[in-house]
Amino acid sequence: MIRPWAVLGCFLGLVGALGLDVGSTAAQWDVIQRRDRLVVGVKDNLPPLGFRNSSDVLEGFEIDLARQLAQELLGDARKIELVPLGNGERFDALWEGRVDVVIAQVTLTRNRSRVVTFSPPYYVASTVVIVPRSRPAPPDTIAVLRHSSAIAMVQFHHPQAKTVAVDSYSEGLAALTRGDVTAFAADHLAVHQWLTANPAYTTLAPIGSHSLAIAMPRGLGYFPLHERLSQSLERLRQSGWLRTRAQFWQLP
């Protein structure tokens, strides 16, 4: 049986080999300047990266980063439009021109870099295995997000365990709390708040790491935007701004 993600991998490889742009219609730098507003795809349901507070206002580490980049690029943090996106629509929104860039828990991978351009990483996150504190022994069944890179990590670090595919973090956490599985492998950032609210659970040693980066359109026409964003991000790193905001939001 031909698996969809295998077909996608072949397509991405062909795109990369040919140097194609896959038809991105996102705004180039001169358009953003004339518009005088940066349109950024973000998360609105993933504390502490991006979420809505009790006043229904977007906040979080990635929201702060998006606003600071508007300050860096356009001289005013208010010159920004934040567009909440689900995981499945992040790249579509970029290619269709609904957003200029995406700052929404996007992991930098080789396959993805063939169809979008990435900034330097702004945070290195870890993949962890969550287990009940009452049962810290090596798990025998581990839930993992379907098609995620965590599958290979689990199979390498816990070869004795059976993996159970789930379609969302909520499904994986529910399976764990019901006892259907003895562990759940997940991005530490994505489950950070849940772990804080559920002290009966803990994590084993990290089984891998991955870099979060800003996704931007591919193509020579977007080089001025890529260059300015990457230079701004590097200034934020060297000045300590990224570290300070990560500490403020208590990123793991």
Protein backbone atom coordinates (compact mmCIF):
# COMPACT_ATOMS: atom_id res chain seq x y z
CA MET A 1 0.00 0.00 0.00
CA ILE A 2 1.32 3.46 -0.92
CA ARG A 3 1.34 5.63 2.20
CA PRO A 4 0.35 9.33 1.81
CA TRP A 5 3.30 10.66 3.73
CA ALA A 6 5.68 8.64 1.55
CA VAL A 7 4.15 10.29 -1.53
CA LEU A 8 4.55 13.67 0.16
CA GLY A 9 8.21 12.90 0.87
CA CYS A 10 8.82 12.07 -2.80
CA PHE A 11 7.04 15.24 -3.88
CA LEU A 12 9.08 17.36 -1.48
CA GLY A 13 12.27 15.78 -2.75
CA LEU A 14 11.33 16.54 -6.37
CA VAL A 15 10.46 20.13 -5.46
CA GLY A 16 13.77 20.57 -3.71
CA ALA A 17 15.75 19.00 -6.55
CA LEU A 18 14.15 21.27 -9.12
CA GLY A 19 14.42 24.38 -6.93
CA LEU A 20 10.73 25.12 -7.25
CA ASP A 21 8.78 27.60 -5.16
CA VAL A 22 5.52 25.51 -5.02
CA GLY A 23 3.56 28.60 -5.97
CA SER A 24 3.82 30.61 -2.78
CA THR A 25 1.86 33.86 -2.97
CA ALA A 26 2.98 35.24 0.40
CA ALA A 27 3.93 38.90 0.45
CA GLN A 28 7.44 40.00 -0.44
CA TRP A 29 9.28 42.56 1.65
CA ASP A 30 8.35 45.58 -0.48
CA VAL A 31 4.66 44.60 -0.23
CA ILE A 32 4.91 44.31 3.55
CA GLN A 33 6.53 47.73 3.70
CA ARG A 34 3.76 49.33 1.64
CA ARG A 35 1.10 47.58 3.71
CA ASP A 36 2.98 48.65 6.87
CA ARG A 37 1.88 45.52 8.68
CA LEU A 38 3.37 42.06 9.24
CA VAL A 39 0.89 39.16 9.03
CA VAL A 40 2.00 36.22 11.19
CA GLY A 41 0.49 32.76 11.57
CA VAL A 42 0.50 31.71 15.24
CA LYS A 43 -0.99 29.22 17.69
CA ASP A 44 -3.88 30.24 19.93
CA ASN A 45 -4.31 27.04 21.96
CA LEU A 46 -0.81 26.03 23.04
CA PRO A 47 0.45 27.62 26.27
CA PRO A 48 3.09 28.88 26.82
CA LEU A 49 3.84 29.44 23.11
CA GLY A 50 0.58 31.01 21.94
CA PHE A 51 -2.81 31.06 23.62
CA ARG A 52 -5.77 33.26 24.53
CA ASN A 53 -5.82 34.64 28.06
CA SER A 54 -8.90 35.22 30.19
CA SER A 55 -9.57 38.43 28.26
CA ASP A 56 -9.40 36.56 24.92
CA VAL A 57 -6.13 38.32 24.05
CA LEU A 58 -3.35 36.35 22.38
CA GLU A 59 -0.19 36.00 24.43
CA GLY A 60 2.75 33.67 24.90
CA PHE A 61 6.41 33.29 23.94
CA GLU A 62 5.81 33.07 20.18
CA ILE A 63 3.30 35.94 20.34
CA ASP A 64 5.94 38.09 22.04
CA LEU A 65 8.42 37.08 19.34
CA ALA A 66 6.03 37.99 16.53
CA ARG A 67 5.38 41.43 18.02
CA GLN A 68 9.06 42.06 18.64
CA LEU A 69 9.82 41.22 15.01
CA ALA A 70 7.22 43.77 13.93
CA GLN A 71 9.08 46.27 16.11
CA GLU A 72 12.39 45.26 14.52
CA LEU A 73 11.14 45.32 10.92
CA LEU A 74 8.52 48.08 10.92
CA GLY A 75 9.44 50.13 13.98
CA ASP A 76 6.23 49.41 15.88
CA ALA A 77 5.15 46.19 17.67
CA ARG A 78 1.53 47.12 16.97
CA LYS A 79 2.01 46.88 13.20
CA ILE A 80 1.09 43.23 13.19
CA GLU A 81 -1.82 40.95 12.39
CA LEU A 82 -1.88 37.63 14.23
CA VAL A 83 -3.66 34.77 12.42
CA PRO A 84 -4.34 31.65 14.54
CA LEU A 85 -3.59 28.44 12.64
CA GLY A 86 -4.02 24.73 13.30
CA ASN A 87 -1.08 22.40 12.66
CA GLY A 88 -2.54 21.13 9.40
CA GLU A 89 -2.97 24.59 7.85
CA ARG A 90 0.29 26.28 8.77
CA PHE A 91 2.05 25.77 5.44
CA ASP A 92 -1.12 26.13 3.36
CA ALA A 93 -1.68 29.57 4.90
CA LEU A 94 1.87 30.53 3.94
CA TRP A 95 1.66 29.24 0.37
CA GLU A 96 -1.78 30.77 -0.20
CA GLY A 97 -0.60 34.19 0.97
CA ARG A 98 -2.86 34.37 4.04
CA VAL A 99 0.21 35.04 6.19
CA ASP A 100 3.70 36.42 5.52
CA VAL A 101 5.50 34.09 7.95
CA VAL A 102 4.56 31.34 10.40
CA ILE A 103 5.67 31.32 14.06
CA ALA A 104 3.56 28.44 15.33
CA GLN A 105 5.57 25.61 16.89
CA VAL A 106 7.08 24.69 13.53
CA THR A 107 9.87 22.14 13.81
CA LEU A 108 12.75 22.60 11.39
CA THR A 109 13.16 19.42 9.34
CA ARG A 110 15.01 18.50 6.15
CA ASN A 111 11.84 17.64 4.23
CA ARG A 112 10.12 20.87 5.21
CA SER A 113 13.16 22.95 4.26
CA ARG A 114 12.62 21.83 0.67
CA VAL A 115 9.35 23.73 0.39
CA VAL A 116 9.77 26.60 2.88
CA THR A 117 12.74 28.62 4.09
CA PHE A 118 13.52 28.56 7.80
CA SER A 119 15.05 31.21 9.99
CA PRO A 120 17.78 30.24 12.45
CA PRO A 121 16.16 28.38 15.38
CA TYR A 122 14.68 30.48 18.15
CA TYR A 123 14.21 27.61 20.63
CA VAL A 124 15.43 24.03 21.00
CA ALA A 125 12.72 21.82 22.48
CA SER A 126 12.92 18.25 23.75
CA THR A 127 10.81 15.17 23.16
CA VAL A 128 9.90 13.43 26.41
CA VAL A 129 8.06 10.31 27.54
CA ILE A 130 5.35 10.95 30.15
CA VAL A 131 4.67 8.23 32.72
CA PRO A 132 2.73 7.99 35.99
CA ARG A 133 4.94 8.71 39.01
CA SER A 134 3.62 5.49 40.52
CA ARG A 135 5.02 3.49 37.58
CA PRO A 136 8.40 4.92 36.51
CA ALA A 137 9.68 1.56 35.18
CA PRO A 138 10.39 1.26 31.43
CA PRO A 139 7.01 1.54 29.70
CA ASP A 140 5.65 -1.34 27.64
CA THR A 141 3.12 0.64 25.56
CA ILE A 142 3.80 4.21 24.41
CA ALA A 143 1.31 6.46 22.67
CA VAL A 144 2.86 8.69 20.00
CA LEU A 145 1.44 11.15 17.48
CA ARG A 146 0.73 9.49 14.16
CA HIS A 147 3.43 10.19 11.50
CA SER A 148 5.53 12.26 13.94
CA SER A 149 9.32 12.19 14.18
CA ALA A 150 8.92 10.98 17.77
CA ILE A 151 8.08 7.47 16.49
CA ALA A 152 11.69 6.81 15.47
CA MET A 153 12.94 8.26 18.77
CA VAL A 154 10.67 5.95 20.77
CA GLN A 155 11.67 2.89 18.76
CA PHE A 156 15.36 3.70 19.28
CA HIS A 157 15.23 4.48 23.01
CA HIS A 158 12.47 2.03 24.00
CA PRO A 159 12.72 -0.87 21.51
CA GLN A 160 10.89 -3.20 23.91
CA ALA A 161 7.78 -1.02 23.94
CA LYS A 162 4.78 -1.28 21.64
CA THR A 163 3.87 2.06 20.01
CA VAL A 164 0.23 3.12 19.75
CA ALA A 165 -0.59 5.84 17.22
CA VAL A 166 -2.86 8.72 18.32
CA ASP A 167 -4.10 11.71 16.32
CA SER A 168 -3.69 14.50 18.89
CA TYR A 169 -2.09 15.42 22.19
CA SER A 170 -5.48 15.33 23.90
CA GLU A 171 -6.06 11.78 22.63
CA GLY A 172 -2.63 10.66 23.82
CA LEU A 173 -3.02 12.20 27.26
CA ALA A 174 -6.50 10.70 27.59
CA ALA A 175 -5.15 7.25 26.71
CA LEU A 176 -2.45 7.67 29.34
CA THR A 177 -4.81 8.75 32.11
CA ARG A 178 -7.24 5.92 31.31
CA GLY A 179 -4.42 3.41 31.51
CA ASP A 180 -4.77 2.30 27.88
CA VAL A 181 -1.03 2.96 27.50
CA THR A 182 1.73 3.22 30.09
CA ALA A 183 3.41 6.28 28.54
CA PHE A 184 3.00 9.07 26.01
CA ALA A 185 5.84 10.52 23.92
CA ALA A 186 5.38 14.22 23.19
CA ASP A 187 6.97 17.60 22.64
CA HIS A 188 7.78 18.87 26.14
CA LEU A 189 6.54 22.34 25.24
CA ALA A 190 3.15 21.01 24.15
CA VAL A 191 2.56 19.11 27.41
CA HIS A 192 4.31 21.52 29.77
CA GLN A 193 1.11 23.06 31.13
CA TRP A 194 -0.60 19.66 31.42
CA LEU A 195 2.29 18.30 33.46
CA THR A 196 2.15 21.31 35.78
CA ALA A 197 -1.57 20.70 36.36
CA ASN A 198 -1.15 16.91 36.77
CA PRO A 199 1.64 16.30 39.31
CA ALA A 200 0.83 12.56 39.43
CA TYR A 201 2.75 12.30 36.15
CA THR A 202 6.40 12.90 35.35
CA THR A 203 8.82 12.52 32.44
CA LEU A 204 11.63 10.11 31.75
CA ALA A 205 14.94 11.37 30.34
CA PRO A 206 14.47 13.23 27.03
CA ILE A 207 14.67 10.96 23.98
CA GLY A 208 15.47 13.67 21.46
CA SER A 209 15.48 17.35 20.62
CA HIS A 210 14.17 19.52 17.81
CA SER A 211 14.54 23.14 16.78
CA LEU A 212 11.65 25.57 16.41
CA ALA A 213 12.10 28.14 13.63
CA ILE A 214 10.16 30.73 11.66
CA ALA A 215 8.80 29.38 8.36
CA MET A 216 8.99 31.75 5.39
CA PRO A 217 8.30 31.38 1.66
CA ARG A 218 10.93 29.97 -0.68
CA GLY A 219 12.19 31.83 -3.73
CA LEU A 220 14.68 34.53 -4.61
CA GLY A 221 11.95 37.17 -4.50
CA TYR A 222 11.59 36.61 -0.77
CA PHE A 223 15.30 36.90 0.02
CA PRO A 224 15.04 40.48 1.41
CA LEU A 225 12.36 39.28 3.88
CA HIS A 226 14.40 36.19 4.83
CA GLU A 227 17.52 38.29 5.37
CA ARG A 228 15.82 40.91 7.55
CA LEU A 229 13.98 38.37 9.67
CA SER A 230 17.09 36.26 10.22
CA GLN A 231 19.20 39.30 11.10
CA SER A 232 16.53 40.52 13.54
CA LEU A 233 16.32 37.10 15.17
CA GLU A 234 20.08 36.98 15.57
CA ARG A 235 20.04 40.40 17.26
CA LEU A 236 17.37 39.15 19.67
CA ARG A 237 19.53 36.14 20.45
CA GLN A 238 22.73 38.10 21.01
CA SER A 239 21.01 40.72 23.15
CA GLY A 240 19.56 38.05 25.44
CA TRP A 241 15.97 38.92 24.53
CA LEU A 242 15.09 35.35 23.50
CA ARG A 243 16.51 33.88 26.69
CA THR A 244 14.76 36.46 28.87
CA ARG A 245 11.34 35.85 27.28
CA ALA A 246 11.82 32.06 27.46
CA GLN A 247 12.54 32.40 31.17
CA PHE A 248 9.53 34.71 31.63
CA TRP A 249 7.21 32.11 30.09
CA GLN A 250 8.97 29.32 32.04
CA LEU A 251 9.70 27.29 28.94
CA PRO A 252 11.09 23.86 29.89
